[in-house]
Amino acid sequence: MMLRRSLHRLSAPRVNVRTQMAWYTRVSLAVLSGVVLGAVVLATYRLGQGALPGEMTREVAVLARQAEDLRRENERLRTEFTALEHRAQIEQTTHGSLQGQMRALADENAELKEELAFFHTLMNAGGATGAQGVTVERFRVRREVVPGEYRFQLLVAQARPRSRAFAGRVELVVDVEQDGRSEVIVFPKASEPRQSYGLRFKFYQRVDGVFRVQPDAKVNRVQVRVLEDGAGAPVSSQTVSVS
């Protein structure tokens, strides 16, 4: 009877253990289990040897204090681990942000170098083709994250000596395919503001914009046309394929 009551007092409450635990939790639980198991073995041995209940109570109290110390140490390690994990996440996020900024700066630097080389070539040529010496350079179209949204970029320039200021607009002719049918869409549409498509420059102007089609439509080709105010035919054009 004494053994049963002693074992009942020493039995630990049931705990739910997750399948994945941090290293400090596994170590603490292992040590705690060893302490409790040692208490049970010691109590059984002392009872078998006729040990006095008072001595066993003192030993159990010592083991209980050791178990409490282990629990506190486990809590301290868990707090430290959480703080370190949080700091590592912040550092990783900062590192990724810096890498993104460096890539953006490198891309911008390469783009500026490309534009500088283009202007050197254009100026050294002493002129340009086209009715008004206006050319379309570096026309690009890329698919955006939003379905049906596309970004276009181009550079319009004229290098003819003593050129007058050019005033006009760009126009996009987009070949799309949807539900097995081909369709041509012209931007800007009648409902769109034309300011973002307008041109007014003497030497060059960058154009950067977005056009939208149906999300399930496939864009095959895009042609950009440069139109001068008061003229019906484009003075320059360029076509790109969209992959």
Protein backbone atom coordinates (compact mmCIF):
# COMPACT_ATOMS: atom_id res chain seq x y z
CA MET A 1 0.00 0.00 0.00
CA MET A 2 2.80 2.44 0.87
CA LEU A 3 4.48 1.73 -2.51
CA ARG A 4 1.22 2.40 -4.36
CA ARG A 5 0.62 5.68 -2.55
CA SER A 6 4.24 6.76 -3.09
CA LEU A 7 4.09 5.98 -6.79
CA HIS A 8 0.79 7.86 -6.99
CA ARG A 9 2.38 10.96 -5.43
CA LEU A 10 5.43 10.76 -7.72
CA SER A 11 3.58 10.21 -10.99
CA ALA A 12 3.87 13.20 -13.33
CA PRO A 13 0.81 14.74 -15.06
CA ARG A 14 0.29 13.81 -18.68
CA VAL A 15 1.63 16.27 -21.24
CA ASN A 16 1.00 16.64 -24.96
CA VAL A 17 4.27 16.60 -26.89
CA ARG A 18 4.45 17.95 -30.41
CA THR A 19 6.07 15.85 -33.07
CA GLN A 20 8.69 18.51 -33.71
CA MET A 21 10.47 20.05 -30.70
CA ALA A 22 13.45 22.32 -30.39
CA TRP A 23 16.72 20.82 -29.19
CA TYR A 24 16.57 22.50 -25.79
CA THR A 25 13.07 21.07 -25.17
CA ARG A 26 14.17 17.52 -26.01
CA VAL A 27 17.21 17.79 -23.72
CA SER A 28 15.20 19.23 -20.83
CA LEU A 29 12.49 16.57 -21.13
CA ALA A 30 15.08 13.84 -21.25
CA VAL A 31 16.79 15.11 -18.09
CA LEU A 32 13.45 15.65 -16.34
CA SER A 33 12.31 12.13 -17.23
CA GLY A 34 15.60 10.78 -15.87
CA VAL A 35 15.12 12.64 -12.59
CA VAL A 36 11.55 11.40 -12.15
CA LEU A 37 12.54 7.84 -13.05
CA GLY A 38 15.41 8.01 -10.57
CA ALA A 39 13.01 9.19 -7.87
CA VAL A 40 10.72 6.26 -8.51
CA VAL A 41 13.58 3.77 -8.44
CA LEU A 42 15.04 5.33 -5.30
CA ALA A 43 11.67 5.35 -3.55
CA THR A 44 11.11 1.71 -4.45
CA TYR A 45 14.57 0.78 -3.20
CA ARG A 46 14.17 2.67 0.07
CA LEU A 47 10.78 1.11 0.71
CA GLY A 48 12.28 -2.30 0.08
CA GLN A 49 15.08 -1.47 2.58
CA GLY A 50 12.63 -0.16 5.15
CA ALA A 51 13.61 3.53 4.76
CA LEU A 52 11.80 5.99 6.92
CA PRO A 53 8.98 7.98 5.23
CA GLY A 54 10.58 11.26 6.38
CA GLU A 55 13.82 10.56 4.56
CA MET A 56 11.98 9.65 1.40
CA THR A 57 9.89 12.84 1.62
CA ARG A 58 13.03 14.97 1.84
CA GLU A 59 14.57 13.22 -1.16
CA VAL A 60 11.39 13.64 -3.15
CA ALA A 61 11.37 17.35 -2.28
CA VAL A 62 14.96 17.66 -3.53
CA LEU A 63 14.02 15.94 -6.77
CA ALA A 64 10.97 18.19 -7.11
CA ARG A 65 13.17 21.29 -6.75
CA GLN A 66 15.55 19.92 -9.37
CA ALA A 67 12.61 19.31 -11.69
CA GLU A 68 11.40 22.89 -11.15
CA ASP A 69 14.89 24.22 -11.89
CA LEU A 70 14.91 22.23 -15.12
CA ARG A 71 11.49 23.61 -16.04
CA ARG A 72 12.69 27.18 -15.51
CA GLU A 73 15.86 26.51 -17.50
CA ASN A 74 13.73 25.06 -20.28
CA GLU A 75 11.57 28.19 -20.29
CA ARG A 76 14.64 30.44 -20.40
CA LEU A 77 16.11 28.51 -23.31
CA ARG A 78 12.80 28.67 -25.15
CA THR A 79 12.66 32.46 -24.71
CA GLU A 80 16.24 32.87 -25.92
CA PHE A 81 15.61 30.61 -28.90
CA THR A 82 12.47 32.58 -29.87
CA ALA A 83 14.38 35.87 -29.67
CA LEU A 84 17.23 34.50 -31.78
CA GLU A 85 14.82 33.07 -34.34
CA HIS A 86 13.00 36.43 -34.60
CA ARG A 87 16.28 38.31 -35.04
CA ALA A 88 17.40 35.84 -37.73
CA GLN A 89 14.14 36.40 -39.62
CA ILE A 90 14.61 40.18 -39.47
CA GLU A 91 18.19 39.88 -40.72
CA GLN A 92 17.11 37.55 -43.53
CA THR A 93 14.36 39.96 -44.61
CA THR A 94 16.76 42.90 -44.55
CA HIS A 95 19.32 40.93 -46.53
CA GLY A 96 16.73 40.02 -49.16
CA SER A 97 15.60 43.65 -49.41
CA LEU A 98 19.17 44.85 -49.89
CA GLN A 99 19.76 42.22 -52.57
CA GLY A 100 16.63 43.39 -54.40
CA GLN A 101 17.79 47.01 -54.26
CA MET A 102 21.21 46.04 -55.57
CA ARG A 103 19.66 44.13 -58.48
CA ALA A 104 17.40 47.10 -59.30
CA LEU A 105 20.36 49.50 -59.24
CA ALA A 106 22.42 47.15 -61.41
CA ASP A 107 19.58 46.91 -63.94
CA GLU A 108 19.16 50.69 -63.97
CA ASN A 109 22.91 51.15 -64.43
CA ALA A 110 22.94 48.73 -67.37
CA GLU A 111 19.94 50.52 -68.89
CA LEU A 112 21.64 53.92 -68.59
CA LYS A 113 24.82 52.57 -70.18
CA GLU A 114 22.77 51.16 -73.04
CA GLU A 115 21.00 54.47 -73.56
CA LEU A 116 24.29 56.38 -73.45
CA ALA A 117 25.78 54.10 -76.12
CA PHE A 118 22.66 54.55 -78.23
CA PHE A 119 22.83 58.35 -78.03
CA HIS A 120 26.52 58.34 -78.95
CA THR A 121 25.74 56.24 -82.02
CA LEU A 122 22.75 58.38 -82.94
CA MET A 123 24.61 61.68 -82.62
CA ASN A 124 27.65 60.45 -84.53
CA ALA A 125 25.42 59.31 -87.37
CA GLY A 126 24.45 62.93 -87.96
CA GLY A 127 20.87 62.10 -88.81
CA ALA A 128 18.11 59.52 -88.68
CA THR A 129 15.69 57.72 -90.88
CA GLY A 130 11.99 58.44 -91.06
CA ALA A 131 9.96 61.33 -92.45
CA GLN A 132 10.87 63.65 -89.60
CA GLY A 133 14.05 61.96 -88.43
CA VAL A 134 12.09 60.29 -85.60
CA THR A 135 12.92 56.73 -84.55
CA VAL A 136 11.54 54.23 -82.03
CA GLU A 137 14.24 52.60 -79.94
CA ARG A 138 14.27 49.89 -77.27
CA PHE A 139 10.59 49.01 -77.55
CA ARG A 140 9.73 46.34 -74.99
CA VAL A 141 6.53 44.65 -73.81
CA ARG A 142 6.35 42.34 -70.82
CA ARG A 143 3.58 40.52 -69.04
CA GLU A 144 2.80 41.78 -65.53
CA VAL A 145 1.72 39.76 -62.49
CA VAL A 146 -1.95 40.71 -62.86
CA PRO A 147 -3.58 38.54 -65.56
CA GLY A 148 -4.26 40.52 -68.75
CA GLU A 149 -1.95 43.39 -67.78
CA TYR A 150 1.10 44.30 -69.91
CA ARG A 151 3.74 46.99 -69.48
CA PHE A 152 5.30 48.69 -72.50
CA GLN A 153 8.45 50.82 -72.61
CA LEU A 154 10.11 52.63 -75.48
CA LEU A 155 12.36 55.53 -76.35
CA VAL A 156 11.42 57.98 -79.10
CA ALA A 157 14.27 60.14 -80.44
CA GLN A 158 15.18 62.48 -83.26
CA ALA A 159 18.78 63.41 -83.99
CA ARG A 160 18.55 65.54 -87.11
CA PRO A 161 20.58 68.72 -86.57
CA ARG A 162 18.54 71.81 -85.65
CA SER A 163 15.39 69.70 -85.36
CA ARG A 164 12.26 71.45 -84.23
CA ALA A 165 10.32 70.17 -81.23
CA PHE A 166 8.18 67.15 -82.02
CA ALA A 167 4.57 66.98 -80.85
CA GLY A 168 2.42 63.91 -81.30
CA ARG A 169 1.49 60.65 -79.64
CA VAL A 170 2.18 56.93 -79.60
CA GLU A 171 -0.39 54.34 -80.57
CA LEU A 172 -0.33 50.62 -79.79
CA VAL A 173 -1.79 48.00 -82.13
CA VAL A 174 -2.14 44.75 -80.16
CA ASP A 175 -2.81 41.37 -81.82
CA VAL A 176 -4.64 39.12 -79.36
CA GLU A 177 -6.08 35.64 -79.52
CA GLN A 178 -9.08 34.62 -77.43
CA ASP A 179 -11.39 31.60 -77.64
CA GLY A 180 -9.71 30.58 -80.91
CA ARG A 181 -10.38 33.97 -82.53
CA SER A 182 -7.88 36.67 -83.47
CA GLU A 183 -8.57 40.31 -82.71
CA VAL A 184 -6.76 43.63 -83.08
CA ILE A 185 -7.06 46.17 -80.26
CA VAL A 186 -5.81 49.74 -80.59
CA PHE A 187 -4.61 51.70 -77.55
CA PRO A 188 -5.41 54.21 -76.25
CA LYS A 189 -9.09 53.32 -76.42
CA ALA A 190 -11.70 56.03 -76.77
CA SER A 191 -12.48 55.78 -73.05
CA GLU A 192 -8.83 56.15 -71.98
CA PRO A 193 -7.02 59.42 -71.27
CA ARG A 194 -4.54 60.21 -74.05
CA GLN A 195 -2.12 62.20 -71.93
CA SER A 196 -0.06 59.14 -71.02
CA TYR A 197 0.40 58.40 -74.76
CA GLY A 198 1.36 61.96 -75.69
CA LEU A 199 4.76 63.04 -77.05
CA ARG A 200 6.42 66.42 -76.81
CA PHE A 201 10.20 66.61 -77.10
CA LYS A 202 13.10 67.99 -79.11
CA PHE A 203 15.69 65.25 -78.76
CA TYR A 204 14.12 62.24 -77.04
CA GLN A 205 11.35 61.07 -74.71
CA ARG A 206 10.85 57.87 -72.71
CA VAL A 207 7.40 56.33 -72.71
CA ASP A 208 6.34 53.88 -69.99
CA GLY A 209 2.77 52.64 -69.62
CA VAL A 210 0.37 49.75 -69.11
CA PHE A 211 -2.38 48.34 -71.31
CA ARG A 212 -4.94 45.74 -70.33
CA VAL A 213 -6.73 42.96 -72.23
CA GLN A 214 -9.05 40.20 -71.07
CA PRO A 215 -7.34 37.91 -68.50
CA ASP A 216 -7.79 34.84 -70.69
CA ALA A 217 -6.61 36.58 -73.89
CA LYS A 218 -3.18 35.82 -75.35
CA VAL A 219 -1.13 38.71 -76.73
CA ASN A 220 0.95 37.63 -79.74
CA ARG A 221 2.39 40.87 -81.16
CA VAL A 222 2.39 44.56 -80.32
CA GLN A 223 3.16 47.34 -82.79
CA VAL A 224 3.93 50.87 -81.63
CA ARG A 225 3.32 53.77 -83.99
CA VAL A 226 4.56 57.33 -83.59
CA LEU A 227 2.05 59.85 -84.96
CA GLU A 228 2.71 63.58 -85.36
CA ASP A 229 -0.07 66.02 -84.60
CA GLY A 230 -1.93 66.86 -87.79
CA ALA A 231 -0.54 63.91 -89.75
CA GLY A 232 -2.43 60.75 -90.64
CA ALA A 233 0.43 58.34 -91.33
CA PRO A 234 2.90 57.26 -88.64
CA VAL A 235 6.40 58.73 -88.88
CA SER A 236 7.94 55.65 -87.26
CA SER A 237 6.88 52.24 -86.01
CA GLN A 238 8.23 49.03 -84.52
CA THR A 239 6.76 45.59 -83.78
CA VAL A 240 7.72 43.09 -81.09
CA SER A 241 6.51 39.56 -80.36
CA VAL A 242 5.29 38.72 -76.86
CA SER A 243 6.30 35.33 -75.53
